[in-house]
């Protein structure tokens, strides 16, 4: 079982893993060992998720989910398949946790009197500097 939140755990049987050759530098190990691990999770047909959770995940992770509702993730950072698989499970859990986290409600605030006064003060100082530049040019004429 993969713990996503305190109320949600997904059994590993719902996840499909596939190994393939990794890309990038690494010499012969990259060329002959299947170290990259890909994870496939069918969000649309998962019995562990409620309809609300499915729609939230679908909306927040839409760039990682295909038209059939399958979430694709991959890991190839480590040089062993087991380490990449563990990394991928952690990544999967973190992504779902963030997608299912409730959105913080924005508390409307006002601009403080001090910040308004400070901004106006800065504008006045800047205006005075520009006036002084203008006066020095007139004195030369």
C-alpha atoms as a PDB file:
ATOM      1  CA  UNK A   1       0.000   0.000   0.000  1.00  0.00           C
ATOM      2  CA  UNK A   2       1.217   3.452  -0.943  1.00  0.00           C
ATOM      3  CA  UNK A   3       0.101   6.128   1.533  1.00  0.00           C
ATOM      4  CA  UNK A   4      -0.937   9.291  -0.291  1.00  0.00           C
ATOM      5  CA  UNK A   5      -2.841  11.065   2.476  1.00  0.00           C
ATOM      6  CA  UNK A   6      -3.988  10.001   5.935  1.00  0.00           C
ATOM      7  CA  UNK A   7      -7.314   8.857   4.435  1.00  0.00           C
ATOM      8  CA  UNK A   8      -6.064   7.509   1.091  1.00  0.00           C
ATOM      9  CA  UNK A   9      -3.803   4.557   0.374  1.00  0.00           C
ATOM     10  CA  UNK A  10      -3.388   3.001  -3.046  1.00  0.00           C
ATOM     11  CA  UNK A  11      -2.497  -0.699  -3.352  1.00  0.00           C
ATOM     12  CA  UNK A  12       0.561  -1.461  -5.494  1.00  0.00           C
ATOM     13  CA  UNK A  13      -1.568  -3.832  -7.593  1.00  0.00           C
ATOM     14  CA  UNK A  14      -3.162  -0.771  -9.238  1.00  0.00           C
ATOM     15  CA  UNK A  15       0.240   0.421 -10.461  1.00  0.00           C
ATOM     16  CA  UNK A  16       1.967  -1.020 -13.503  1.00  0.00           C
ATOM     17  CA  UNK A  17       5.734  -0.738 -13.753  1.00  0.00           C
ATOM     18  CA  UNK A  18       7.797  -1.104 -16.899  1.00  0.00           C
ATOM     19  CA  UNK A  19      11.581  -0.993 -17.199  1.00  0.00           C
ATOM     20  CA  UNK A  20      13.504   0.223 -20.215  1.00  0.00           C
ATOM     21  CA  UNK A  21      16.942   1.485 -21.117  1.00  0.00           C
ATOM     22  CA  UNK A  22      17.828   4.826 -19.651  1.00  0.00           C
ATOM     23  CA  UNK A  23      18.990   7.764 -21.760  1.00  0.00           C
ATOM     24  CA  UNK A  24      21.964  10.042 -21.317  1.00  0.00           C
ATOM     25  CA  UNK A  25      25.537   9.386 -20.182  1.00  0.00           C
ATOM     26  CA  UNK A  26      26.512   6.244 -18.320  1.00  0.00           C
ATOM     27  CA  UNK A  27      28.650   4.115 -20.599  1.00  0.00           C
ATOM     28  CA  UNK A  28      27.942   0.427 -21.063  1.00  0.00           C
ATOM     29  CA  UNK A  29      25.568   0.281 -18.091  1.00  0.00           C
ATOM     30  CA  UNK A  30      23.091   2.541 -19.932  1.00  0.00           C
ATOM     31  CA  UNK A  31      23.461   0.554 -23.156  1.00  0.00           C
ATOM     32  CA  UNK A  32      22.730  -2.895 -21.742  1.00  0.00           C
ATOM     33  CA  UNK A  33      20.780  -2.581 -18.450  1.00  0.00           C
ATOM     34  CA  UNK A  34      17.115  -1.593 -18.141  1.00  0.00           C
ATOM     35  CA  UNK A  35      17.336   0.949 -15.338  1.00  0.00           C
ATOM     36  CA  UNK A  36      14.641   3.496 -16.272  1.00  0.00           C
ATOM     37  CA  UNK A  37      11.321   2.660 -14.644  1.00  0.00           C
ATOM     38  CA  UNK A  38       7.963   3.886 -15.940  1.00  0.00           C
ATOM     39  CA  UNK A  39       4.799   3.899 -13.837  1.00  0.00           C
ATOM     40  CA  UNK A  40       1.287   3.664 -15.280  1.00  0.00           C
ATOM     41  CA  UNK A  41      -1.699   4.393 -13.020  1.00  0.00           C
ATOM     42  CA  UNK A  42      -5.248   4.264 -14.398  1.00  0.00           C
ATOM     43  CA  UNK A  43      -6.837   7.217 -12.627  1.00  0.00           C
ATOM     44  CA  UNK A  44     -10.187   6.906 -14.386  1.00  0.00           C
ATOM     45  CA  UNK A  45     -10.775   3.237 -13.415  1.00  0.00           C
ATOM     46  CA  UNK A  46      -9.109   3.193  -9.990  1.00  0.00           C
ATOM     47  CA  UNK A  47     -11.347   1.678  -7.286  1.00  0.00           C
ATOM     48  CA  UNK A  48      -9.319   3.436  -4.553  1.00  0.00           C
ATOM     49  CA  UNK A  49     -10.308   6.945  -5.648  1.00  0.00           C
ATOM     50  CA  UNK A  50     -13.657   8.686  -5.302  1.00  0.00           C
ATOM     51  CA  UNK A  51     -15.205  10.589  -8.208  1.00  0.00           C
ATOM     52  CA  UNK A  52     -14.213  13.909  -6.635  1.00  0.00           C
ATOM     53  CA  UNK A  53     -10.602  12.754  -6.199  1.00  0.00           C
ATOM     54  CA  UNK A  54     -10.485  11.509  -9.806  1.00  0.00           C
ATOM     55  CA  UNK A  55     -11.675  14.860 -11.135  1.00  0.00           C
ATOM     56  CA  UNK A  56      -9.205  16.787  -8.924  1.00  0.00           C
ATOM     57  CA  UNK A  57      -6.289  14.630 -10.071  1.00  0.00           C
ATOM     58  CA  UNK A  58      -7.470  14.867 -13.676  1.00  0.00           C
ATOM     59  CA  UNK A  59      -7.585  18.649 -13.492  1.00  0.00           C
ATOM     60  CA  UNK A  60      -4.341  19.259 -11.616  1.00  0.00           C
ATOM     61  CA  UNK A  61      -2.214  16.633 -13.381  1.00  0.00           C
ATOM     62  CA  UNK A  62      -3.730  16.931 -16.870  1.00  0.00           C
ATOM     63  CA  UNK A  63      -0.334  17.319 -18.539  1.00  0.00           C
ATOM     64  CA  UNK A  64       0.727  13.907 -17.191  1.00  0.00           C
ATOM     65  CA  UNK A  65      -2.517  12.042 -17.949  1.00  0.00           C
ATOM     66  CA  UNK A  66      -3.405  10.767 -21.417  1.00  0.00           C
ATOM     67  CA  UNK A  67      -6.866  10.662 -23.060  1.00  0.00           C
ATOM     68  CA  UNK A  68      -7.609   7.219 -21.591  1.00  0.00           C
ATOM     69  CA  UNK A  69      -7.083   8.573 -18.060  1.00  0.00           C
ATOM     70  CA  UNK A  70      -3.735   6.882 -17.414  1.00  0.00           C
ATOM     71  CA  UNK A  71      -1.105   8.758 -15.405  1.00  0.00           C
ATOM     72  CA  UNK A  72       2.454   8.255 -16.710  1.00  0.00           C
ATOM     73  CA  UNK A  73       5.583   8.886 -14.649  1.00  0.00           C
ATOM     74  CA  UNK A  74       9.193   7.829 -15.136  1.00  0.00           C
ATOM     75  CA  UNK A  75      12.433   7.829 -13.157  1.00  0.00           C
ATOM     76  CA  UNK A  76      15.966   7.302 -14.468  1.00  0.00           C
ATOM     77  CA  UNK A  77      18.156   9.280 -12.069  1.00  0.00           C
ATOM     78  CA  UNK A  78      19.712   6.322 -10.241  1.00  0.00           C
ATOM     79  CA  UNK A  79      21.863   3.622 -11.802  1.00  0.00           C
ATOM     80  CA  UNK A  80      19.764   0.753 -10.453  1.00  0.00           C
ATOM     81  CA  UNK A  81      16.224  -0.256 -11.263  1.00  0.00           C
ATOM     82  CA  UNK A  82      15.289  -0.757  -7.584  1.00  0.00           C
ATOM     83  CA  UNK A  83      16.375   2.756  -6.630  1.00  0.00           C
ATOM     84  CA  UNK A  84      14.493   4.259  -9.575  1.00  0.00           C
ATOM     85  CA  UNK A  85      11.372   2.282  -8.623  1.00  0.00           C
ATOM     86  CA  UNK A  86      11.537   3.566  -5.034  1.00  0.00           C
ATOM     87  CA  UNK A  87      12.107   7.106  -6.324  1.00  0.00           C
ATOM     88  CA  UNK A  88       9.138   6.746  -8.650  1.00  0.00           C
ATOM     89  CA  UNK A  89       6.796   5.556  -5.884  1.00  0.00           C
ATOM     90  CA  UNK A  90       7.834   8.540  -3.765  1.00  0.00           C
ATOM     91  CA  UNK A  91       7.275  10.901  -6.720  1.00  0.00           C
ATOM     92  CA  UNK A  92       3.848   9.333  -7.400  1.00  0.00           C
ATOM     93  CA  UNK A  93       2.780   9.674  -3.765  1.00  0.00           C
ATOM     94  CA  UNK A  94       3.958  13.297  -3.584  1.00  0.00           C
ATOM     95  CA  UNK A  95       2.193  14.265  -6.836  1.00  0.00           C
ATOM     96  CA  UNK A  96      -1.131  12.765  -5.737  1.00  0.00           C
ATOM     97  CA  UNK A  97      -0.804  14.324  -2.281  1.00  0.00           C
ATOM     98  CA  UNK A  98      -0.249  17.778  -3.817  1.00  0.00           C
ATOM     99  CA  UNK A  99      -3.101  17.295  -6.298  1.00  0.00           C
ATOM    100  CA  UNK A 100      -5.537  16.319  -3.539  1.00  0.00           C
ATOM    101  CA  UNK A 101      -4.454  19.021  -1.082  1.00  0.00           C
ATOM    102  CA  UNK A 102      -7.211  21.550  -0.407  1.00  0.00           C
ATOM    103  CA  UNK A 103      -6.712  24.935  -1.991  1.00  0.00           C
ATOM    104  CA  UNK A 104      -5.906  27.712   0.457  1.00  0.00           C
ATOM    105  CA  UNK A 105      -8.538  30.427   0.490  1.00  0.00           C
ATOM    106  CA  UNK A 106      -7.026  33.833  -0.159  1.00  0.00           C
ATOM    107  CA  UNK A 107      -7.597  36.288   2.636  1.00  0.00           C
ATOM    108  CA  UNK A 108      -8.181  39.726   1.187  1.00  0.00           C
ATOM    109  CA  UNK A 109      -5.920  42.379   2.686  1.00  0.00           C
ATOM    110  CA  UNK A 110      -5.505  46.112   2.404  1.00  0.00           C
ATOM    111  CA  UNK A 111      -2.400  48.146   1.710  1.00  0.00           C
ATOM    112  CA  UNK A 112      -1.117  49.592   4.987  1.00  0.00           C
ATOM    113  CA  UNK A 113      -1.007  53.337   5.592  1.00  0.00           C
ATOM    114  CA  UNK A 114       2.736  53.118   6.210  1.00  0.00           C
ATOM    115  CA  UNK A 115       3.418  51.529   2.797  1.00  0.00           C
ATOM    116  CA  UNK A 116       1.241  54.119   1.049  1.00  0.00           C
ATOM    117  CA  UNK A 117       3.113  56.963   2.799  1.00  0.00           C
ATOM    118  CA  UNK A 118       6.481  55.345   2.009  1.00  0.00           C
ATOM    119  CA  UNK A 119       5.598  55.019  -1.693  1.00  0.00           C
ATOM    120  CA  UNK A 120       4.478  58.666  -1.901  1.00  0.00           C
ATOM    121  CA  UNK A 121       7.673  59.733  -0.104  1.00  0.00           C
ATOM    122  CA  UNK A 122       9.798  57.888  -2.655  1.00  0.00           C
ATOM    123  CA  UNK A 123       7.878  59.510  -5.501  1.00  0.00           C
ATOM    124  CA  UNK A 124       8.456  62.981  -4.020  1.00  0.00           C
ATOM    125  CA  UNK A 125      12.190  62.303  -3.568  1.00  0.00           C
ATOM    126  CA  UNK A 126      12.461  61.109  -7.148  1.00  0.00           C
ATOM    127  CA  UNK A 127      10.600  64.219  -8.371  1.00  0.00           C
ATOM    128  CA  UNK A 128      12.968  66.492  -6.438  1.00  0.00           C
ATOM    129  CA  UNK A 129      15.993  64.779  -7.987  1.00  0.00           C
ATOM    130  CA  UNK A 130      14.548  65.325 -11.461  1.00  0.00           C
ATOM    131  CA  UNK A 131      13.812  68.993 -10.686  1.00  0.00           C
ATOM    132  CA  UNK A 132      17.397  69.537  -9.532  1.00  0.00           C
ATOM    133  CA  UNK A 133      18.708  68.077 -12.784  1.00  0.00           C
ATOM    134  CA  UNK A 134      16.482  70.398 -14.762  1.00  0.00           C
ATOM    135  CA  UNK A 135      17.660  73.496 -12.792  1.00  0.00           C
ATOM    136  CA  UNK A 136      21.325  72.696 -13.380  1.00  0.00           C
ATOM    137  CA  UNK A 137      20.808  72.687 -17.142  1.00  0.00           C
ATOM    138  CA  UNK A 138      19.107  76.098 -17.048  1.00  0.00           C
ATOM    139  CA  UNK A 139      22.004  77.609 -15.044  1.00  0.00           C
ATOM    140  CA  UNK A 140      24.455  76.700 -17.833  1.00  0.00           C
ATOM    141  CA  UNK A 141      22.426  78.492 -20.523  1.00  0.00           C
END
